[in-house]
N, C-alpha and C. Protein backbone atom coordinates (compact mmCIF):
# COMPACT_ATOMS: atom_id res chain seq x y z
N UNK A 1 -13.79 67.42 41.36
CA UNK A 1 -14.73 67.08 40.33
C UNK A 1 -13.97 66.94 39.02
N UNK A 2 -14.28 65.91 38.24
CA UNK A 2 -13.56 65.65 37.01
C UNK A 2 -13.91 66.67 35.94
N UNK A 3 -13.02 66.81 34.98
CA UNK A 3 -13.23 67.78 33.91
C UNK A 3 -14.46 67.44 33.08
N UNK A 4 -14.81 66.15 32.97
CA UNK A 4 -15.96 65.80 32.14
C UNK A 4 -17.25 66.36 32.72
N UNK A 5 -17.26 66.75 33.99
CA UNK A 5 -18.44 67.37 34.55
C UNK A 5 -18.51 68.85 34.22
N UNK A 6 -17.40 69.46 33.84
CA UNK A 6 -17.43 70.88 33.54
C UNK A 6 -18.32 71.17 32.35
N UNK A 7 -18.14 70.45 31.28
CA UNK A 7 -18.99 70.62 30.10
C UNK A 7 -19.52 69.26 29.72
N UNK A 8 -20.81 69.11 29.78
CA UNK A 8 -21.43 67.82 29.54
C UNK A 8 -21.72 67.59 28.07
N UNK A 9 -21.97 68.68 27.32
CA UNK A 9 -22.32 68.48 25.93
C UNK A 9 -21.94 69.73 25.15
N UNK A 10 -21.13 69.55 24.16
CA UNK A 10 -20.77 70.65 23.28
C UNK A 10 -20.42 70.03 21.94
N UNK A 11 -21.41 69.92 21.08
CA UNK A 11 -21.19 69.24 19.82
C UNK A 11 -22.07 69.84 18.75
N UNK A 12 -21.77 69.48 17.52
CA UNK A 12 -22.59 69.91 16.40
C UNK A 12 -23.63 68.86 16.11
N UNK A 13 -24.81 69.30 15.73
CA UNK A 13 -25.86 68.39 15.29
C UNK A 13 -26.02 68.59 13.78
N UNK A 14 -26.01 67.51 13.03
CA UNK A 14 -26.14 67.59 11.58
C UNK A 14 -27.49 67.06 11.17
N UNK A 15 -28.15 67.74 10.25
CA UNK A 15 -29.44 67.28 9.77
C UNK A 15 -29.48 67.44 8.25
N UNK A 16 -29.81 66.37 7.56
CA UNK A 16 -29.93 66.42 6.11
C UNK A 16 -31.35 66.87 5.76
N UNK A 17 -31.45 67.94 4.99
CA UNK A 17 -32.76 68.44 4.58
C UNK A 17 -32.71 68.80 3.11
N UNK A 18 -33.42 68.03 2.29
CA UNK A 18 -33.51 68.32 0.86
C UNK A 18 -32.17 68.39 0.16
N UNK A 19 -31.26 67.51 0.49
CA UNK A 19 -29.97 67.50 -0.15
C UNK A 19 -28.96 68.45 0.47
N UNK A 20 -29.42 69.31 1.38
CA UNK A 20 -28.51 70.22 2.06
C UNK A 20 -28.21 69.69 3.45
N UNK A 21 -27.09 70.06 3.95
CA UNK A 21 -26.76 69.68 5.33
C UNK A 21 -26.79 70.94 6.16
N UNK A 22 -27.61 70.91 7.21
CA UNK A 22 -27.68 72.03 8.14
C UNK A 22 -26.81 71.71 9.35
N UNK A 23 -26.10 72.68 9.81
CA UNK A 23 -25.28 72.51 11.01
C UNK A 23 -25.88 73.39 12.09
N UNK A 24 -26.25 72.76 13.19
CA UNK A 24 -26.84 73.48 14.31
C UNK A 24 -25.97 73.24 15.53
N UNK A 25 -25.54 74.31 16.15
CA UNK A 25 -24.74 74.17 17.36
C UNK A 25 -25.66 73.78 18.50
N UNK A 26 -25.45 72.60 19.06
CA UNK A 26 -26.25 72.15 20.20
C UNK A 26 -25.88 72.98 21.42
N UNK A 27 -26.84 73.17 22.32
CA UNK A 27 -26.52 73.97 23.51
C UNK A 27 -25.46 73.29 24.37
N UNK A 28 -24.67 74.11 24.99
CA UNK A 28 -23.67 73.62 25.92
C UNK A 28 -24.29 73.57 27.31
N UNK A 29 -24.27 72.38 27.89
CA UNK A 29 -24.75 72.20 29.26
C UNK A 29 -23.52 72.01 30.14
N UNK A 30 -23.41 72.83 31.15
CA UNK A 30 -22.25 72.79 32.04
C UNK A 30 -22.71 72.90 33.48
N UNK A 31 -21.81 72.56 34.38
CA UNK A 31 -22.06 72.68 35.82
C UNK A 31 -20.98 73.54 36.43
N UNK A 32 -21.37 74.29 37.44
CA UNK A 32 -20.38 75.00 38.26
C UNK A 32 -20.85 74.94 39.70
N UNK A 33 -19.92 74.99 40.64
CA UNK A 33 -20.32 74.94 42.05
C UNK A 33 -21.26 76.10 42.40
N UNK A 34 -22.29 75.80 43.18
CA UNK A 34 -23.20 76.83 43.66
C UNK A 34 -22.46 77.70 44.67
N UNK A 35 -22.79 78.99 44.64
CA UNK A 35 -22.19 79.96 45.55
C UNK A 35 -23.29 80.62 46.38
N UNK A 36 -22.89 81.32 47.42
CA UNK A 36 -23.86 82.02 48.25
C UNK A 36 -24.71 83.00 47.44
N UNK A 37 -24.09 83.65 46.45
CA UNK A 37 -24.86 84.62 45.67
C UNK A 37 -25.83 83.95 44.68
N UNK A 38 -25.85 82.61 44.64
CA UNK A 38 -26.81 81.88 43.81
C UNK A 38 -28.13 81.63 44.55
N UNK A 39 -28.20 81.94 45.83
CA UNK A 39 -29.41 81.63 46.61
C UNK A 39 -30.69 82.19 45.99
N UNK A 40 -30.73 83.43 45.52
CA UNK A 40 -31.98 83.90 44.89
C UNK A 40 -32.36 83.07 43.66
N UNK A 41 -31.38 82.70 42.87
CA UNK A 41 -31.66 81.85 41.71
C UNK A 41 -32.13 80.46 42.16
N UNK A 42 -31.45 79.88 43.12
CA UNK A 42 -31.83 78.55 43.60
C UNK A 42 -33.24 78.57 44.20
N UNK A 43 -33.60 79.69 44.83
CA UNK A 43 -34.98 79.83 45.31
C UNK A 43 -35.95 79.80 44.13
N UNK A 44 -35.63 80.52 43.06
CA UNK A 44 -36.51 80.53 41.87
C UNK A 44 -36.71 79.12 41.33
N UNK A 45 -35.63 78.33 41.29
CA UNK A 45 -35.73 76.96 40.81
C UNK A 45 -36.65 76.16 41.74
N UNK A 46 -36.40 76.28 43.04
CA UNK A 46 -37.21 75.57 44.02
C UNK A 46 -38.68 75.96 43.89
N UNK A 47 -38.95 77.26 43.86
CA UNK A 47 -40.34 77.74 43.79
C UNK A 47 -41.02 77.25 42.52
N UNK A 48 -40.28 77.16 41.43
CA UNK A 48 -40.89 76.71 40.17
C UNK A 48 -41.35 75.26 40.27
N UNK A 49 -40.68 74.47 41.10
CA UNK A 49 -41.10 73.07 41.29
C UNK A 49 -42.37 72.97 42.14
N UNK A 50 -42.61 73.95 42.98
CA UNK A 50 -43.70 73.87 43.95
C UNK A 50 -44.95 74.66 43.54
N UNK A 51 -44.85 75.53 42.55
CA UNK A 51 -45.97 76.40 42.17
C UNK A 51 -47.23 75.62 41.81
N UNK A 52 -47.06 74.54 41.06
CA UNK A 52 -48.23 73.78 40.62
C UNK A 52 -49.05 73.26 41.80
N UNK A 53 -48.38 72.72 42.79
CA UNK A 53 -49.11 72.20 43.94
C UNK A 53 -49.76 73.31 44.76
N UNK A 54 -49.17 74.50 44.73
CA UNK A 54 -49.74 75.61 45.50
C UNK A 54 -50.98 76.20 44.82
N UNK A 55 -51.21 75.84 43.57
CA UNK A 55 -52.44 76.27 42.90
C UNK A 55 -53.66 75.65 43.57
N UNK A 56 -53.45 74.58 44.31
CA UNK A 56 -54.55 73.86 44.95
C UNK A 56 -54.99 74.47 46.28
N UNK A 57 -54.19 75.40 46.81
CA UNK A 57 -54.53 75.99 48.11
C UNK A 57 -55.13 77.39 47.92
N UNK A 58 -55.99 77.75 48.83
CA UNK A 58 -56.69 79.04 48.75
C UNK A 58 -55.91 80.11 49.52
N UNK A 59 -54.69 80.40 49.04
CA UNK A 59 -53.84 81.41 49.66
C UNK A 59 -53.62 82.53 48.66
N UNK A 60 -53.40 83.74 49.18
CA UNK A 60 -53.03 84.82 48.27
C UNK A 60 -51.54 84.68 47.94
N UNK A 61 -51.07 85.49 47.00
CA UNK A 61 -49.68 85.39 46.54
C UNK A 61 -48.67 85.62 47.67
N UNK A 62 -48.97 86.54 48.57
CA UNK A 62 -48.06 86.82 49.69
C UNK A 62 -47.91 85.59 50.58
N UNK A 63 -49.01 84.90 50.85
CA UNK A 63 -48.95 83.69 51.67
C UNK A 63 -48.15 82.59 50.96
N UNK A 64 -48.36 82.46 49.67
CA UNK A 64 -47.62 81.45 48.90
C UNK A 64 -46.13 81.76 48.91
N UNK A 65 -45.78 83.03 48.71
CA UNK A 65 -44.36 83.42 48.72
C UNK A 65 -43.73 83.16 50.09
N UNK A 66 -44.44 83.51 51.16
CA UNK A 66 -43.93 83.26 52.51
C UNK A 66 -43.68 81.77 52.69
N UNK A 67 -44.67 80.95 52.32
CA UNK A 67 -44.55 79.50 52.45
C UNK A 67 -43.37 78.97 51.65
N UNK A 68 -43.23 79.40 50.40
CA UNK A 68 -42.13 78.94 49.55
C UNK A 68 -40.77 79.32 50.13
N UNK A 69 -40.66 80.55 50.62
CA UNK A 69 -39.38 80.97 51.23
C UNK A 69 -39.07 80.14 52.47
N UNK A 70 -40.08 79.91 53.29
CA UNK A 70 -39.88 79.10 54.50
C UNK A 70 -39.44 77.68 54.13
N UNK A 71 -40.13 77.07 53.16
CA UNK A 71 -39.81 75.71 52.75
C UNK A 71 -38.42 75.63 52.10
N UNK A 72 -38.07 76.61 51.30
CA UNK A 72 -36.75 76.64 50.68
C UNK A 72 -35.66 76.73 51.73
N UNK A 73 -35.87 77.60 52.72
CA UNK A 73 -34.90 77.74 53.80
C UNK A 73 -34.75 76.43 54.57
N UNK A 74 -35.86 75.78 54.87
CA UNK A 74 -35.82 74.49 55.58
C UNK A 74 -35.10 73.43 54.75
N UNK A 75 -35.41 73.36 53.45
CA UNK A 75 -34.74 72.37 52.60
C UNK A 75 -33.24 72.64 52.52
N UNK A 76 -32.88 73.90 52.36
CA UNK A 76 -31.46 74.26 52.26
C UNK A 76 -30.71 73.83 53.51
N UNK A 77 -31.28 74.14 54.68
CA UNK A 77 -30.62 73.75 55.93
C UNK A 77 -30.62 72.23 56.12
N UNK A 78 -31.71 71.59 55.77
CA UNK A 78 -31.80 70.13 55.89
C UNK A 78 -30.77 69.43 55.01
N UNK A 79 -30.65 69.87 53.76
CA UNK A 79 -29.66 69.27 52.85
C UNK A 79 -28.24 69.51 53.36
N UNK A 80 -27.97 70.71 53.86
CA UNK A 80 -26.63 71.01 54.37
C UNK A 80 -26.28 70.12 55.56
N UNK A 81 -27.27 69.83 56.39
CA UNK A 81 -27.02 68.98 57.55
C UNK A 81 -26.91 67.50 57.15
N UNK A 82 -27.81 67.04 56.30
CA UNK A 82 -27.83 65.63 55.93
C UNK A 82 -26.72 65.26 54.95
N UNK A 83 -26.32 66.21 54.10
CA UNK A 83 -25.34 65.92 53.04
C UNK A 83 -24.25 67.00 53.03
N UNK A 84 -23.47 67.08 54.12
CA UNK A 84 -22.51 68.19 54.24
C UNK A 84 -21.42 68.20 53.16
N UNK A 85 -21.14 67.05 52.58
CA UNK A 85 -20.07 67.00 51.56
C UNK A 85 -20.62 66.88 50.15
N UNK A 86 -21.92 67.05 49.98
CA UNK A 86 -22.53 66.93 48.66
C UNK A 86 -22.05 68.05 47.74
N UNK A 87 -21.98 67.73 46.46
CA UNK A 87 -21.68 68.72 45.45
C UNK A 87 -22.99 69.37 45.03
N UNK A 88 -23.14 70.65 45.32
CA UNK A 88 -24.31 71.39 44.87
C UNK A 88 -23.86 72.24 43.69
N UNK A 89 -24.40 71.92 42.54
CA UNK A 89 -23.97 72.54 41.29
C UNK A 89 -25.11 73.35 40.68
N UNK A 90 -24.76 74.44 40.03
CA UNK A 90 -25.71 75.19 39.22
C UNK A 90 -25.57 74.66 37.80
N UNK A 91 -26.70 74.33 37.20
CA UNK A 91 -26.72 73.84 35.82
C UNK A 91 -26.78 75.06 34.91
N UNK A 92 -25.88 75.10 33.94
CA UNK A 92 -25.82 76.21 33.00
C UNK A 92 -26.15 75.72 31.60
N UNK A 93 -26.91 76.51 30.88
CA UNK A 93 -27.16 76.25 29.46
C UNK A 93 -26.64 77.46 28.70
N UNK A 94 -25.64 77.22 27.88
CA UNK A 94 -24.99 78.31 27.15
C UNK A 94 -24.60 79.44 28.10
N UNK A 95 -24.09 79.06 29.28
CA UNK A 95 -23.59 80.02 30.25
C UNK A 95 -24.63 80.62 31.18
N UNK A 96 -25.91 80.36 30.95
CA UNK A 96 -26.97 80.93 31.78
C UNK A 96 -27.48 79.89 32.78
N UNK A 97 -27.69 80.27 34.04
CA UNK A 97 -28.19 79.31 35.03
C UNK A 97 -29.63 78.88 34.72
N UNK A 98 -29.84 77.55 34.75
CA UNK A 98 -31.17 77.03 34.44
C UNK A 98 -31.64 75.99 35.46
N UNK A 99 -30.78 75.61 36.43
CA UNK A 99 -31.21 74.60 37.38
C UNK A 99 -30.15 74.26 38.40
N UNK A 100 -30.44 73.19 39.13
CA UNK A 100 -29.54 72.74 40.20
C UNK A 100 -29.41 71.24 40.15
N UNK A 101 -28.19 70.78 40.43
CA UNK A 101 -27.90 69.35 40.57
C UNK A 101 -27.13 69.18 41.87
N UNK A 102 -27.63 68.28 42.72
CA UNK A 102 -26.96 68.02 44.00
C UNK A 102 -26.72 66.52 44.11
N UNK A 103 -25.44 66.16 44.28
CA UNK A 103 -25.03 64.76 44.33
C UNK A 103 -24.15 64.54 45.56
N UNK A 104 -24.46 63.48 46.31
CA UNK A 104 -23.67 63.12 47.48
C UNK A 104 -23.01 61.77 47.21
N UNK A 105 -21.71 61.72 47.42
CA UNK A 105 -20.96 60.49 47.16
C UNK A 105 -20.52 59.87 48.48
N UNK A 106 -20.83 58.59 48.63
CA UNK A 106 -20.40 57.81 49.80
C UNK A 106 -19.47 56.72 49.29
N UNK A 107 -18.78 56.03 50.18
CA UNK A 107 -17.87 54.98 49.72
C UNK A 107 -18.57 53.84 48.96
N UNK A 108 -19.86 53.63 49.22
CA UNK A 108 -20.53 52.49 48.61
C UNK A 108 -21.70 52.84 47.70
N UNK A 109 -21.98 54.14 47.51
CA UNK A 109 -23.11 54.53 46.67
C UNK A 109 -23.02 56.01 46.32
N UNK A 110 -23.78 56.38 45.30
CA UNK A 110 -23.94 57.78 44.92
C UNK A 110 -25.41 58.11 45.11
N UNK A 111 -25.68 59.20 45.80
CA UNK A 111 -27.05 59.63 46.04
C UNK A 111 -27.33 60.87 45.20
N UNK A 112 -28.30 60.75 44.32
CA UNK A 112 -28.76 61.89 43.55
C UNK A 112 -29.78 62.62 44.43
N UNK A 113 -29.31 63.63 45.14
CA UNK A 113 -30.12 64.32 46.14
C UNK A 113 -31.20 65.16 45.48
N UNK A 114 -30.83 65.92 44.46
CA UNK A 114 -31.79 66.81 43.82
C UNK A 114 -31.33 67.15 42.42
N UNK A 115 -32.29 67.18 41.52
CA UNK A 115 -32.08 67.69 40.18
C UNK A 115 -33.33 68.48 39.84
N UNK A 116 -33.15 69.74 39.47
CA UNK A 116 -34.29 70.60 39.20
C UNK A 116 -33.92 71.61 38.12
N UNK A 117 -34.84 71.80 37.20
CA UNK A 117 -34.65 72.75 36.11
C UNK A 117 -35.81 73.76 36.11
N UNK A 118 -35.52 74.96 35.67
CA UNK A 118 -36.59 75.92 35.46
C UNK A 118 -37.55 75.36 34.41
N UNK A 119 -38.84 75.68 34.49
CA UNK A 119 -39.85 75.05 33.62
C UNK A 119 -39.54 75.10 32.13
N UNK A 120 -39.02 76.21 31.65
CA UNK A 120 -38.76 76.33 30.21
C UNK A 120 -37.61 75.46 29.72
N UNK A 121 -36.90 74.82 30.63
CA UNK A 121 -35.79 73.94 30.26
C UNK A 121 -36.08 72.47 30.54
N UNK A 122 -37.30 72.18 30.95
CA UNK A 122 -37.70 70.80 31.22
C UNK A 122 -38.19 70.13 29.94
N UNK A 123 -38.09 68.82 29.91
CA UNK A 123 -38.61 68.00 28.81
C UNK A 123 -37.93 68.28 27.47
N UNK A 124 -36.66 68.66 27.53
CA UNK A 124 -35.90 68.85 26.28
C UNK A 124 -34.61 68.01 26.28
N UNK A 125 -34.48 67.09 27.25
CA UNK A 125 -33.34 66.18 27.28
C UNK A 125 -32.21 66.57 28.21
N UNK A 126 -32.28 67.72 28.83
CA UNK A 126 -31.20 68.16 29.71
C UNK A 126 -31.12 67.27 30.94
N UNK A 127 -32.26 66.95 31.54
CA UNK A 127 -32.28 66.05 32.70
C UNK A 127 -31.70 64.69 32.35
N UNK A 128 -32.03 64.20 31.18
CA UNK A 128 -31.49 62.91 30.74
C UNK A 128 -29.97 62.95 30.64
N UNK A 129 -29.44 64.02 30.05
CA UNK A 129 -27.98 64.16 29.93
C UNK A 129 -27.34 64.18 31.31
N UNK A 130 -27.93 64.92 32.24
CA UNK A 130 -27.36 65.02 33.59
C UNK A 130 -27.42 63.69 34.33
N UNK A 131 -28.56 63.01 34.27
CA UNK A 131 -28.69 61.71 34.94
C UNK A 131 -27.70 60.71 34.34
N UNK A 132 -27.59 60.69 33.02
CA UNK A 132 -26.65 59.77 32.37
C UNK A 132 -25.21 60.05 32.80
N UNK A 133 -24.89 61.31 33.00
CA UNK A 133 -23.54 61.66 33.45
C UNK A 133 -23.26 61.10 34.84
N UNK A 134 -24.25 61.20 35.73
CA UNK A 134 -24.10 60.62 37.08
C UNK A 134 -23.98 59.10 36.97
N UNK A 135 -24.79 58.48 36.11
CA UNK A 135 -24.74 57.03 35.95
C UNK A 135 -23.41 56.58 35.36
N UNK A 136 -22.87 57.35 34.44
CA UNK A 136 -21.54 57.03 33.88
C UNK A 136 -20.48 57.04 34.97
N UNK A 137 -20.55 58.05 35.84
CA UNK A 137 -19.60 58.11 36.96
C UNK A 137 -19.75 56.88 37.84
N UNK A 138 -20.99 56.53 38.18
CA UNK A 138 -21.25 55.38 39.05
C UNK A 138 -20.77 54.09 38.40
N UNK A 139 -21.02 53.94 37.12
CA UNK A 139 -20.59 52.72 36.41
C UNK A 139 -19.07 52.63 36.40
N UNK A 140 -18.39 53.76 36.27
CA UNK A 140 -16.92 53.74 36.21
C UNK A 140 -16.29 53.30 37.52
N UNK A 141 -17.02 53.45 38.64
CA UNK A 141 -16.49 53.03 39.94
C UNK A 141 -17.27 51.87 40.53
N UNK A 142 -18.22 51.34 39.75
CA UNK A 142 -18.98 50.16 40.18
C UNK A 142 -19.91 50.39 41.35
N UNK A 143 -20.53 51.56 41.40
CA UNK A 143 -21.43 51.87 42.51
C UNK A 143 -22.87 52.04 42.04
N UNK A 144 -23.83 51.75 42.93
CA UNK A 144 -25.22 52.05 42.61
C UNK A 144 -25.52 53.53 42.81
N UNK A 145 -26.60 53.98 42.20
CA UNK A 145 -27.09 55.35 42.40
C UNK A 145 -28.48 55.24 43.02
N UNK A 146 -28.71 56.05 44.04
CA UNK A 146 -29.98 56.04 44.76
C UNK A 146 -30.58 57.44 44.68
N UNK A 147 -31.89 57.50 44.58
CA UNK A 147 -32.60 58.78 44.62
C UNK A 147 -33.97 58.55 45.24
N UNK A 148 -34.58 59.64 45.66
CA UNK A 148 -35.94 59.62 46.20
C UNK A 148 -36.77 60.59 45.37
N UNK A 149 -37.96 60.15 44.99
CA UNK A 149 -38.83 60.97 44.15
C UNK A 149 -40.26 60.79 44.62
N UNK A 150 -41.03 61.87 44.55
CA UNK A 150 -42.45 61.76 44.89
C UNK A 150 -43.12 60.84 43.87
N UNK A 151 -44.05 60.04 44.34
CA UNK A 151 -44.71 59.07 43.47
C UNK A 151 -45.35 59.72 42.25
N UNK A 152 -45.90 60.90 42.41
CA UNK A 152 -46.61 61.56 41.32
C UNK A 152 -45.73 62.48 40.48
N UNK A 153 -44.45 62.55 40.79
CA UNK A 153 -43.53 63.41 40.04
C UNK A 153 -43.25 62.78 38.68
N UNK A 154 -43.44 63.55 37.62
CA UNK A 154 -43.22 63.03 36.26
C UNK A 154 -41.77 62.62 36.01
N UNK A 155 -40.83 63.15 36.78
CA UNK A 155 -39.42 62.78 36.61
C UNK A 155 -39.20 61.29 36.87
N UNK A 156 -40.11 60.70 37.60
CA UNK A 156 -40.02 59.26 37.88
C UNK A 156 -39.84 58.46 36.58
N UNK A 157 -40.53 58.89 35.53
CA UNK A 157 -40.46 58.16 34.27
C UNK A 157 -39.10 58.33 33.59
N UNK A 158 -38.48 59.48 33.76
CA UNK A 158 -37.11 59.68 33.29
C UNK A 158 -36.19 58.68 33.97
N UNK A 159 -36.34 58.56 35.29
CA UNK A 159 -35.47 57.64 36.03
C UNK A 159 -35.71 56.19 35.61
N UNK A 160 -36.96 55.83 35.41
CA UNK A 160 -37.26 54.46 34.96
C UNK A 160 -36.64 54.19 33.59
N UNK A 161 -36.71 55.17 32.68
CA UNK A 161 -36.10 55.00 31.35
C UNK A 161 -34.60 54.81 31.44
N UNK A 162 -33.98 55.36 32.49
CA UNK A 162 -32.53 55.23 32.65
C UNK A 162 -32.14 53.96 33.42
N UNK A 163 -33.12 53.14 33.78
CA UNK A 163 -32.83 51.86 34.42
C UNK A 163 -32.98 51.84 35.92
N UNK A 164 -33.49 52.91 36.51
CA UNK A 164 -33.73 52.90 37.95
C UNK A 164 -34.92 51.99 38.24
N UNK A 165 -34.83 51.29 39.36
CA UNK A 165 -35.89 50.39 39.81
C UNK A 165 -36.38 50.85 41.17
N UNK A 166 -37.65 50.61 41.45
CA UNK A 166 -38.20 50.97 42.75
C UNK A 166 -37.68 49.99 43.79
N UNK A 167 -37.03 50.51 44.81
CA UNK A 167 -36.47 49.68 45.87
C UNK A 167 -37.37 49.69 47.10
N UNK A 168 -37.94 50.87 47.40
CA UNK A 168 -38.82 51.02 48.55
C UNK A 168 -39.87 52.06 48.22
N UNK A 169 -40.97 52.00 48.96
CA UNK A 169 -42.07 52.93 48.71
C UNK A 169 -42.78 53.23 50.01
N UNK A 170 -43.23 54.48 50.16
CA UNK A 170 -44.14 54.82 51.26
C UNK A 170 -45.32 55.57 50.66
N UNK A 171 -46.09 56.24 51.46
CA UNK A 171 -47.29 56.91 50.95
C UNK A 171 -46.98 58.02 49.95
N UNK A 172 -45.82 58.65 50.07
CA UNK A 172 -45.51 59.81 49.24
C UNK A 172 -44.33 59.57 48.30
N UNK A 173 -43.27 58.93 48.80
CA UNK A 173 -42.02 58.83 48.07
C UNK A 173 -41.69 57.41 47.62
N UNK A 174 -40.90 57.38 46.54
CA UNK A 174 -40.28 56.14 46.09
C UNK A 174 -38.78 56.28 46.29
N UNK A 175 -38.16 55.23 46.78
CA UNK A 175 -36.70 55.16 46.72
C UNK A 175 -36.40 54.35 45.47
N UNK A 176 -35.62 54.95 44.59
CA UNK A 176 -35.28 54.27 43.35
C UNK A 176 -33.77 54.04 43.33
N UNK A 177 -33.39 52.90 42.75
CA UNK A 177 -31.98 52.54 42.68
C UNK A 177 -31.61 52.14 41.27
N UNK A 178 -30.45 52.62 40.88
CA UNK A 178 -29.82 52.14 39.66
C UNK A 178 -28.71 51.23 40.16
N UNK A 179 -28.84 49.93 39.90
CA UNK A 179 -27.94 48.99 40.55
C UNK A 179 -26.46 49.15 40.23
N UNK A 180 -26.13 49.69 39.09
CA UNK A 180 -24.72 49.76 38.73
C UNK A 180 -24.22 48.40 38.32
N UNK A 181 -22.98 48.34 37.95
CA UNK A 181 -22.41 47.09 37.48
C UNK A 181 -22.04 46.21 38.66
N UNK A 182 -22.52 44.97 38.61
CA UNK A 182 -22.17 44.01 39.66
C UNK A 182 -23.00 44.12 40.91
N UNK A 183 -23.99 45.01 40.91
CA UNK A 183 -24.84 45.18 42.08
C UNK A 183 -26.27 44.72 41.75
N UNK A 184 -26.95 44.28 42.76
CA UNK A 184 -28.38 43.96 42.61
C UNK A 184 -29.13 44.71 43.69
N UNK A 185 -30.43 44.79 43.53
CA UNK A 185 -31.25 45.47 44.54
C UNK A 185 -31.25 44.70 45.78
């Protein structure tokens, strides 16, 4: 993994206010490889993505927890089997874990397998920075980026803003592609 992935953003933000200049240290967003001892944290990230939909079912908390653990275990094993060489990274904000980024690289494309942030870190630009970093890598090697997203997932709009186009669709998921340089859908 290149050094530019180690720290994605570490800069000063300047704001002029009433003739004064304020200097605010922007948060540092970094990635590190996920480890076995990250599984409880990665479960928390996964569960945070699924809680909203579980509000619709008439289950008690124990049933919801059992379901979430089962689904997390299945997803973890499925990803390991389908993407054995994928980079599974923990997203850090100022050194604290806040999410997961999983990217699989093939000779002809980059697959953005998963990007997930804890709720309190969503909608503040971190996802945009991470997606742009993947797109920069793809552009540097002339490859498209592919991802799959649920049709009703709000992240779809982030991907569209970054230039992803819908390539295929089924009842639940969209396959979206960022063509990269020199590629078309």
